[in-house]
Amino acid sequence: MRTVFYIPPLRKTSGGLANIYETARDVRALGGEVALSGPDRSVPGLEDTCGEGLPFLPPGSRLSSEDLWCAPESWPSGLHAGTASGARVLVYVQSWIFTLKSLPGGVPWSRLPFSFIAVSRPVAEFLQRVHGIACRDMLPPAVDDVFFREPERPGGRVRIAWMPRKNKAMGESILHIAGHILARAAPAPRVEQVEVHGLRREAVAEVLSTCRIFLSSGFPEGFGLPPLEAMASGCVPVGFTGLGGWEYMRPMRLPGERAFEAPFAFARDEEDIGNGFFFSDGDIYAAGQGLAKAVMLSAEQPELWATISARCRETALEYTRAARLKHVERIFLSGQGRQEGLACTSAENKSPSRGGTAQAIRSNKEIIMPWETVEEGIPRLVDSINPLLSQKN
């Protein structure tokens, strides 16, 4: 049994692409047979990953029905390639927002003969409630060990790290709002804004270790790894969750304050004070006020701030590479995961047989054309989407 990871034809690197590469490496490290495939060998990072010993299969390669083809939700051409290869198709959903755009109008994800895994519990919850898809498992990214370091924060000033590539205009607005509020404080704390952009991983970790606060301005997010990496460095995140961040973000519970709660009922210890200050996505007014409040808290109550910072590090320790390898082994290498978990997982149609799914498609003629078989239907489906892919690129 072999697992083939589809590499989409991206021109720039991304967190999702890096996660695919890392998953392929993890499967191989655990003893699994792995290959990469895709239409473009010039994708950033692909040649380097293949140079580590992962083979590359050219487009159109024929696979066994025992093989597994893993593709992201955002590239229908990759799903089509997996179906055409003869392998079973596993959709790794890293961005919930792309599931609203990837297929042409009227084609439901829940009728396709694919299995699904999600990058986080919020994404899995979204797929269930919006698309009627029951994910078989979750596969979150790992926080690199380089981020778990002792903080080296200078005294006398509060350094705020933020990433301009994550909704730059909103991030700037939040910083401006907080700046105006803090300027009226007596005494006004010394604040330094630190842009994190274009740095290698080690340099990012070094910068974060000198900051007390991380401004989380990204949304939508399937998981939101940068805030968690900041938490590993002891930074306290302030800002947006992007929905996916609710996987690990827990709002602060301070005396006299009403915490902003997650939209999903995740289990939480009632004594847990939380690990950050979080607000509705896009609410720059609330986030700006929250950032100012966090700065004052860090300056005026260092002991409480140290407790919050320690809670952040504890949260990040739940997402180490060792923890991720357990997910990878269960999904890609365990017999039960491959045989039972990788069957058609629509909440509307849980039949593992392709024939059952084809029948479901045939019975829904108003939405999908009455294809004779799924093998014929999926290529036709993707053919109707291909004109959109050129616009995406």
Protein backbone atom coordinates (compact mmCIF):
# COMPACT_ATOMS: atom_id res chain seq x y z
CA MET A 1 0.00 0.00 0.00
CA ARG A 2 1.34 3.36 -1.02
CA THR A 3 0.29 6.90 -0.15
CA VAL A 4 0.65 9.48 -2.91
CA PHE A 5 0.43 13.16 -2.02
CA TYR A 6 -0.80 15.53 -4.70
CA ILE A 7 1.28 18.72 -4.91
CA PRO A 8 -0.80 21.58 -6.37
CA PRO A 9 0.83 23.86 -8.98
CA LEU A 10 1.48 26.81 -6.68
CA ARG A 11 3.84 29.62 -7.57
CA LYS A 12 4.52 30.60 -3.96
CA THR A 13 5.03 28.56 -0.85
CA SER A 14 2.28 28.43 1.78
CA GLY A 15 1.60 26.94 5.17
CA GLY A 16 -0.75 24.40 3.63
CA LEU A 17 1.88 23.27 1.12
CA ALA A 18 4.50 22.95 3.85
CA ASN A 19 2.06 20.83 5.84
CA ILE A 20 1.60 18.45 2.89
CA TYR A 21 5.37 18.03 2.55
CA GLU A 22 5.68 17.46 6.28
CA THR A 23 2.93 14.84 6.24
CA ALA A 24 4.68 12.95 3.45
CA ARG A 25 7.92 13.01 5.42
CA ASP A 26 6.14 11.77 8.53
CA VAL A 27 4.53 8.84 6.72
CA ARG A 28 7.93 7.83 5.36
CA ALA A 29 9.59 8.26 8.78
CA LEU A 30 7.04 5.82 10.21
CA GLY A 31 7.91 3.23 7.60
CA GLY A 32 5.18 3.90 5.05
CA GLU A 33 5.63 3.85 1.28
CA VAL A 34 5.24 7.40 0.00
CA ALA A 35 5.36 9.28 -3.30
CA LEU A 36 4.60 12.78 -4.52
CA SER A 37 2.79 13.71 -7.71
CA GLY A 38 1.51 16.77 -9.51
CA PRO A 39 1.44 18.63 -12.82
CA ASP A 40 4.37 20.98 -12.12
CA ARG A 41 7.85 20.09 -10.87
CA SER A 42 8.71 23.77 -10.28
CA VAL A 43 6.47 24.13 -7.24
CA PRO A 44 8.45 25.71 -4.37
CA GLY A 45 9.98 23.05 -2.15
CA LEU A 46 9.10 20.10 -4.39
CA GLU A 47 12.58 19.38 -5.74
CA ASP A 48 14.09 19.72 -2.27
CA THR A 49 11.55 17.29 -0.83
CA CYS A 50 12.13 14.80 -3.64
CA GLY A 51 15.85 15.22 -3.01
CA GLU A 52 15.27 13.80 0.48
CA GLY A 53 14.39 10.49 -1.13
CA LEU A 54 10.66 10.84 -1.81
CA PRO A 55 9.91 9.62 -5.35
CA PHE A 56 7.88 11.68 -7.81
CA LEU A 57 5.19 10.06 -9.96
CA PRO A 58 4.48 11.79 -13.28
CA PRO A 59 0.92 12.87 -14.07
CA GLY A 60 -1.25 10.04 -15.36
CA SER A 61 0.49 7.31 -13.36
CA ARG A 62 -1.71 4.31 -12.73
CA LEU A 63 -2.13 3.23 -9.11
CA SER A 64 -3.66 0.28 -7.31
CA SER A 65 -7.05 0.35 -5.64
CA GLU A 66 -5.12 -0.38 -2.45
CA ASP A 67 -3.16 2.85 -2.83
CA LEU A 68 -4.23 6.12 -1.27
CA TRP A 69 -4.24 9.48 -3.07
CA CYS A 70 -4.20 12.44 -0.67
CA ALA A 71 -5.11 15.84 -2.12
CA PRO A 72 -6.10 19.26 -0.73
CA GLU A 73 -9.68 20.46 -0.95
CA SER A 74 -8.78 23.56 -2.93
CA TRP A 75 -7.68 21.81 -6.15
CA PRO A 76 -10.42 19.82 -7.93
CA SER A 77 -7.89 18.87 -10.61
CA GLY A 78 -5.98 17.01 -7.91
CA LEU A 79 -9.10 15.14 -6.85
CA HIS A 80 -9.75 14.21 -10.48
CA ALA A 81 -6.19 12.97 -10.90
CA GLY A 82 -6.59 10.71 -7.90
CA THR A 83 -9.84 9.25 -9.17
CA ALA A 84 -8.37 8.70 -12.63
CA SER A 85 -5.35 6.90 -11.13
CA GLY A 86 -7.53 4.14 -9.67
CA ALA A 87 -6.53 4.86 -6.07
CA ARG A 88 -8.78 5.74 -3.18
CA VAL A 89 -9.02 9.48 -2.65
CA LEU A 90 -8.51 11.18 0.71
CA VAL A 91 -9.26 14.91 0.91
CA TYR A 92 -7.12 16.73 3.46
CA VAL A 93 -9.16 19.84 4.29
CA GLN A 94 -6.89 22.58 5.62
CA SER A 95 -9.09 25.56 4.74
CA TRP A 96 -12.82 25.53 5.39
CA ILE A 97 -13.33 28.59 3.21
CA PHE A 98 -12.13 26.77 0.07
CA THR A 99 -14.84 24.14 0.45
CA LEU A 100 -17.31 26.89 -0.43
CA LYS A 101 -15.55 27.67 -3.71
CA SER A 102 -13.84 24.54 -4.98
CA LEU A 103 -16.78 22.87 -6.73
CA PRO A 104 -19.19 24.44 -9.22
CA GLY A 105 -22.55 25.57 -7.92
CA GLY A 106 -25.00 22.80 -7.18
CA VAL A 107 -22.40 20.02 -6.76
CA PRO A 108 -22.37 18.89 -3.11
CA TRP A 109 -19.19 17.54 -1.52
CA SER A 110 -21.24 14.99 0.38
CA ARG A 111 -22.12 13.08 -2.81
CA LEU A 112 -18.54 12.49 -3.92
CA PRO A 113 -16.85 9.13 -3.21
CA PHE A 114 -14.04 10.61 -1.14
CA SER A 115 -12.93 10.32 2.46
CA PHE A 116 -12.09 13.40 4.48
CA ILE A 117 -9.71 14.39 7.24
CA ALA A 118 -9.55 17.88 8.73
CA VAL A 119 -6.69 20.00 9.97
CA SER A 120 -8.62 20.91 13.13
CA ARG A 121 -11.77 20.22 15.09
CA PRO A 122 -13.39 23.50 14.01
CA VAL A 123 -12.88 22.55 10.35
CA ALA A 124 -14.34 19.10 11.01
CA GLU A 125 -17.30 20.72 12.75
CA PHE A 126 -17.75 23.11 9.82
CA LEU A 127 -17.72 20.25 7.30
CA GLN A 128 -20.31 18.36 9.32
CA ARG A 129 -22.69 21.28 9.81
CA VAL A 130 -22.33 22.94 6.41
CA HIS A 131 -21.64 20.06 4.01
CA GLY A 132 -22.94 17.02 5.87
CA ILE A 133 -19.49 15.41 5.83
CA ALA A 134 -18.26 13.30 8.73
CA CYS A 135 -14.46 13.53 8.92
CA ARG A 136 -12.72 10.33 9.93
CA ASP A 137 -9.89 12.04 11.77
CA MET A 138 -7.98 15.23 12.44
CA LEU A 139 -4.40 15.95 11.42
CA PRO A 140 -3.15 19.25 12.87
CA PRO A 141 0.31 20.60 12.02
CA ALA A 142 3.15 20.40 14.51
CA VAL A 143 4.98 23.20 16.25
CA ASP A 144 8.67 22.93 15.40
CA ASP A 145 10.97 22.34 18.35
CA VAL A 146 12.86 25.54 17.49
CA PHE A 147 10.00 27.61 18.93
CA PHE A 148 10.19 26.01 22.38
CA ARG A 149 12.85 28.23 23.87
CA GLU A 150 13.24 30.30 26.99
CA PRO A 151 12.05 33.86 26.45
CA GLU A 152 14.60 36.67 26.42
CA ARG A 153 12.31 39.64 26.84
CA PRO A 154 13.88 43.01 27.56
CA GLY A 155 12.54 44.81 30.59
CA GLY A 156 10.84 48.17 30.52
CA ARG A 157 9.01 47.78 27.19
CA VAL A 158 6.32 45.61 25.70
CA ARG A 159 7.20 44.15 22.32
CA ILE A 160 4.26 43.15 20.08
CA ALA A 161 4.96 40.76 17.19
CA TRP A 162 2.68 40.74 14.17
CA MET A 163 2.68 39.44 10.60
CA PRO A 164 1.82 42.01 7.91
CA ARG A 165 0.93 39.24 5.44
CA LYS A 166 -2.09 38.41 7.57
CA ASN A 167 -4.67 41.13 6.73
CA LYS A 168 -2.13 43.96 6.89
CA ALA A 169 -4.62 46.85 6.88
CA MET A 170 -6.62 45.37 9.74
CA GLY A 171 -3.49 44.62 11.71
CA GLU A 172 -2.32 48.20 11.34
CA SER A 173 -5.73 49.50 12.41
CA ILE A 174 -5.70 47.36 15.54
CA LEU A 175 -2.22 48.61 16.41
CA HIS A 176 -3.31 52.23 15.84
CA ILE A 177 -6.40 51.85 18.05
CA ALA A 178 -4.34 50.32 20.84
CA GLY A 179 -1.69 53.01 20.40
CA HIS A 180 -4.17 55.85 20.85
CA ILE A 181 -5.66 54.23 23.95
CA LEU A 182 -2.26 53.56 25.53
CA ALA A 183 -1.04 57.10 24.80
CA ARG A 184 -3.66 58.37 27.27
CA ALA A 185 -2.57 56.00 30.03
CA ALA A 186 -0.65 57.41 33.00
CA PRO A 187 2.07 56.39 32.89
CA ALA A 188 2.02 55.29 29.25
CA PRO A 189 3.79 51.96 28.76
CA ARG A 190 6.67 51.72 26.33
CA VAL A 191 5.52 49.66 23.35
CA GLU A 192 7.49 48.38 20.38
CA GLN A 193 5.90 46.84 17.28
CA VAL A 194 7.89 44.07 15.61
CA GLU A 195 7.05 42.98 12.07
CA VAL A 196 7.65 39.29 11.37
CA HIS A 197 8.06 38.95 7.63
CA GLY A 198 10.36 37.13 5.21
CA LEU A 199 12.37 35.40 7.95
CA ARG A 200 13.53 31.81 8.20
CA ARG A 201 11.98 29.66 10.89
CA GLU A 202 14.90 30.01 13.30
CA ALA A 203 14.87 33.79 12.97
CA VAL A 204 11.11 33.91 13.58
CA ALA A 205 11.56 31.87 16.75
CA GLU A 206 14.30 34.23 17.94
CA VAL A 207 12.10 37.29 17.36
CA LEU A 208 9.11 35.73 19.13
CA SER A 209 11.21 34.88 22.18
CA THR A 210 11.78 38.63 22.70
CA CYS A 211 8.06 39.58 22.48
CA ARG A 212 5.33 39.46 25.10
CA ILE A 213 2.33 39.66 22.74
CA PHE A 214 1.47 38.25 19.33
CA LEU A 215 -1.16 40.09 17.30
CA SER A 216 -3.27 37.44 15.57
CA SER A 217 -4.82 39.23 12.60
CA GLY A 218 -5.34 36.26 10.27
CA PHE A 219 -8.75 35.04 9.10
CA PRO A 220 -10.11 32.85 7.74
CA GLU A 221 -7.85 30.09 9.09
CA GLY A 222 -8.12 26.33 9.06
CA PHE A 223 -5.79 26.02 12.04
CA GLY A 224 -3.61 29.10 12.43
CA LEU A 225 -0.09 27.84 13.14
CA PRO A 226 1.72 31.21 13.68
CA PRO A 227 -0.19 32.10 16.88
CA LEU A 228 0.54 28.65 18.27
CA GLU A 229 4.23 28.98 17.42
CA ALA A 230 4.18 32.29 19.26
CA MET A 231 2.55 30.60 22.25
CA ALA A 232 5.36 28.05 22.28
CA SER A 233 7.72 30.99 22.74
CA GLY A 234 5.65 32.30 25.63
CA CYS A 235 3.92 35.05 23.63
CA VAL A 236 0.29 35.67 24.51
CA PRO A 237 -1.93 35.96 21.39
CA VAL A 238 -4.41 38.80 20.98
CA GLY A 239 -6.84 39.14 18.09
CA PHE A 240 -8.79 36.82 15.80
CA THR A 241 -9.18 33.04 15.72
CA GLY A 242 -10.02 32.68 12.02
CA LEU A 243 -12.45 29.92 13.17
CA GLY A 244 -9.76 27.25 12.93
CA GLY A 245 -7.85 28.77 15.82
CA TRP A 246 -10.57 27.61 18.20
CA GLU A 247 -8.77 24.27 18.01
CA TYR A 248 -6.40 25.54 20.71
CA MET A 249 -7.38 29.14 21.55
CA ARG A 250 -9.21 29.67 24.83
CA PRO A 251 -10.37 33.21 25.75
CA MET A 252 -9.11 34.79 28.94
CA ARG A 253 -11.36 34.66 31.98
CA LEU A 254 -10.47 37.62 34.15
CA PRO A 255 -12.45 38.97 37.14
CA GLY A 256 -15.15 41.35 35.99
CA GLU A 257 -14.65 40.48 32.32
CA ARG A 258 -16.95 38.55 30.01
CA ALA A 259 -14.91 36.16 27.84
CA PHE A 260 -15.65 35.81 24.14
CA GLU A 261 -16.70 32.18 23.70
CA ALA A 262 -16.08 29.69 20.92
CA PRO A 263 -18.94 28.85 18.53
CA PHE A 264 -18.38 25.15 19.25
CA ALA A 265 -18.84 23.44 22.58
CA PHE A 266 -15.31 22.14 23.13
CA ALA A 267 -14.50 20.67 26.49
CA ARG A 268 -12.80 23.15 28.80
CA ASP A 269 -11.64 23.04 32.39
CA GLU A 270 -13.69 25.55 34.37
CA GLU A 271 -10.55 26.56 36.27
CA ASP A 272 -8.61 27.26 33.08
CA ILE A 273 -7.97 31.02 32.91
CA GLY A 274 -7.45 30.85 29.15
CA ASN A 275 -4.47 31.47 26.91
CA GLY A 276 -5.18 34.72 25.06
CA PHE A 277 -7.53 37.59 24.23
CA PHE A 278 -9.80 36.74 21.30
CA PHE A 279 -12.53 38.62 19.46
CA SER A 280 -14.91 38.23 16.53
CA ASP A 281 -13.02 38.02 13.24
CA GLY A 282 -12.75 41.45 11.68
CA ASP A 283 -13.80 43.38 14.80
CA ILE A 284 -10.83 45.77 14.87
CA TYR A 285 -12.46 47.98 17.49
CA ALA A 286 -12.74 45.16 20.04
CA ALA A 287 -9.33 43.75 19.11
CA GLY A 288 -7.68 47.17 19.46
CA GLN A 289 -9.17 47.67 22.90
CA GLY A 290 -8.17 44.13 23.84
CA LEU A 291 -4.60 44.71 22.69
CA ALA A 292 -4.35 47.85 24.81
CA LYS A 293 -5.75 45.96 27.79
CA ALA A 294 -3.25 43.14 27.27
CA VAL A 295 -0.34 45.58 27.13
CA MET A 296 -1.43 47.21 30.40
CA LEU A 297 -1.95 43.84 32.07
CA SER A 298 1.53 42.66 31.10
CA ALA A 299 3.06 45.87 32.46
CA GLU A 300 1.05 46.16 35.68
CA GLN A 301 0.59 42.50 36.70
CA PRO A 302 3.78 40.64 35.75
CA GLU A 303 2.98 37.62 37.92
CA LEU A 304 -0.42 37.08 36.33
CA TRP A 305 1.13 37.63 32.91
CA ALA A 306 3.76 35.00 33.65
CA THR A 307 0.96 32.56 34.49
CA ILE A 308 -0.82 33.29 31.21
CA SER A 309 2.45 32.94 29.29
CA ALA A 310 3.10 29.56 30.93
CA ARG A 311 -0.41 28.44 29.97
CA CYS A 312 0.37 29.37 26.36
CA ARG A 313 3.48 27.20 26.38
CA GLU A 314 1.51 24.31 27.86
CA THR A 315 -1.01 24.63 25.04
CA ALA A 316 1.70 24.51 22.39
CA LEU A 317 3.20 21.38 23.96
CA GLU A 318 0.02 19.53 22.96
CA TYR A 319 1.01 19.98 19.30
CA THR A 320 4.57 18.68 19.14
CA ARG A 321 5.87 16.54 16.31
CA ALA A 322 5.62 13.45 18.54
CA ALA A 323 1.91 14.15 19.04
CA ARG A 324 1.43 14.67 15.30
CA LEU A 325 3.16 11.38 14.45
CA LYS A 326 0.47 9.54 16.41
CA HIS A 327 -2.19 11.11 14.19
CA VAL A 328 -0.21 10.27 11.04
CA GLU A 329 0.28 6.66 12.07
CA ARG A 330 -3.39 6.18 12.88
CA ILE A 331 -4.59 7.74 9.61
CA PHE A 332 -2.09 6.47 7.07
CA LEU A 333 -0.49 3.33 8.50
CA SER A 334 -2.84 1.52 10.87
CA GLY A 335 -4.88 -1.26 9.28
CA GLN A 336 -8.11 0.03 10.75
CA GLY A 337 -7.44 3.56 9.55
CA ARG A 338 -6.78 2.46 5.98
CA GLN A 339 -9.51 -0.13 5.68
CA GLU A 340 -12.37 1.35 7.70
CA GLY A 341 -11.51 5.01 8.07
CA LEU A 342 -10.87 5.69 4.40
CA ALA A 343 -14.29 4.91 3.03
CA CYS A 344 -16.92 7.30 1.72
CA THR A 345 -17.81 9.46 4.74
CA SER A 346 -20.78 11.59 3.80
CA ALA A 347 -23.17 12.09 6.67
CA GLU A 348 -25.95 11.66 4.12
CA ASN A 349 -24.50 8.56 2.48
CA LYS A 350 -22.10 6.51 4.58
CA SER A 351 -22.02 3.50 2.30
CA PRO A 352 -18.36 2.52 1.73
CA SER A 353 -19.09 1.09 -1.71
CA ARG A 354 -18.55 3.14 -4.82
CA GLY A 355 -21.64 1.65 -6.33
CA GLY A 356 -23.74 3.00 -3.48
CA THR A 357 -22.34 6.47 -4.04
CA ALA A 358 -22.97 6.22 -7.78
CA GLN A 359 -26.57 5.30 -7.05
CA ALA A 360 -26.88 8.31 -4.77
CA ILE A 361 -25.57 10.50 -7.56
CA ARG A 362 -27.95 8.99 -10.10
CA SER A 363 -30.90 9.59 -7.78
CA ASN A 364 -30.14 13.30 -7.54
CA LYS A 365 -30.59 14.28 -11.19
CA GLU A 366 -31.62 17.84 -10.47
CA ILE A 367 -28.22 18.62 -8.93
CA ILE A 368 -25.81 16.25 -10.71
CA MET A 369 -26.00 14.69 -14.15
CA PRO A 370 -27.14 11.04 -14.11
CA TRP A 371 -23.71 9.45 -14.54
CA GLU A 372 -23.49 5.70 -14.96
CA THR A 373 -20.54 5.29 -12.59
CA VAL A 374 -18.55 7.43 -10.23
CA GLU A 375 -15.43 6.71 -12.29
CA GLU A 376 -17.12 8.38 -15.27
CA GLY A 377 -18.78 11.07 -13.25
CA ILE A 378 -15.87 12.60 -11.39
CA PRO A 379 -13.83 13.37 -14.52
CA ARG A 380 -16.90 15.00 -16.06
CA LEU A 381 -17.38 16.99 -12.90
CA VAL A 382 -13.80 18.23 -12.92
CA ASP A 383 -13.93 18.96 -16.66
CA SER A 384 -16.64 21.48 -15.87
CA ILE A 385 -14.37 23.10 -13.27
CA ASN A 386 -11.14 23.24 -15.28
CA PRO A 387 -11.90 26.65 -16.87
CA LEU A 388 -12.05 28.07 -13.34
CA LEU A 389 -8.60 26.72 -12.49
CA SER A 390 -6.87 28.89 -15.10
CA GLN A 391 -8.47 31.92 -13.48
CA LYS A 392 -7.24 30.77 -10.06
CA ASN A 393 -3.66 30.56 -11.25
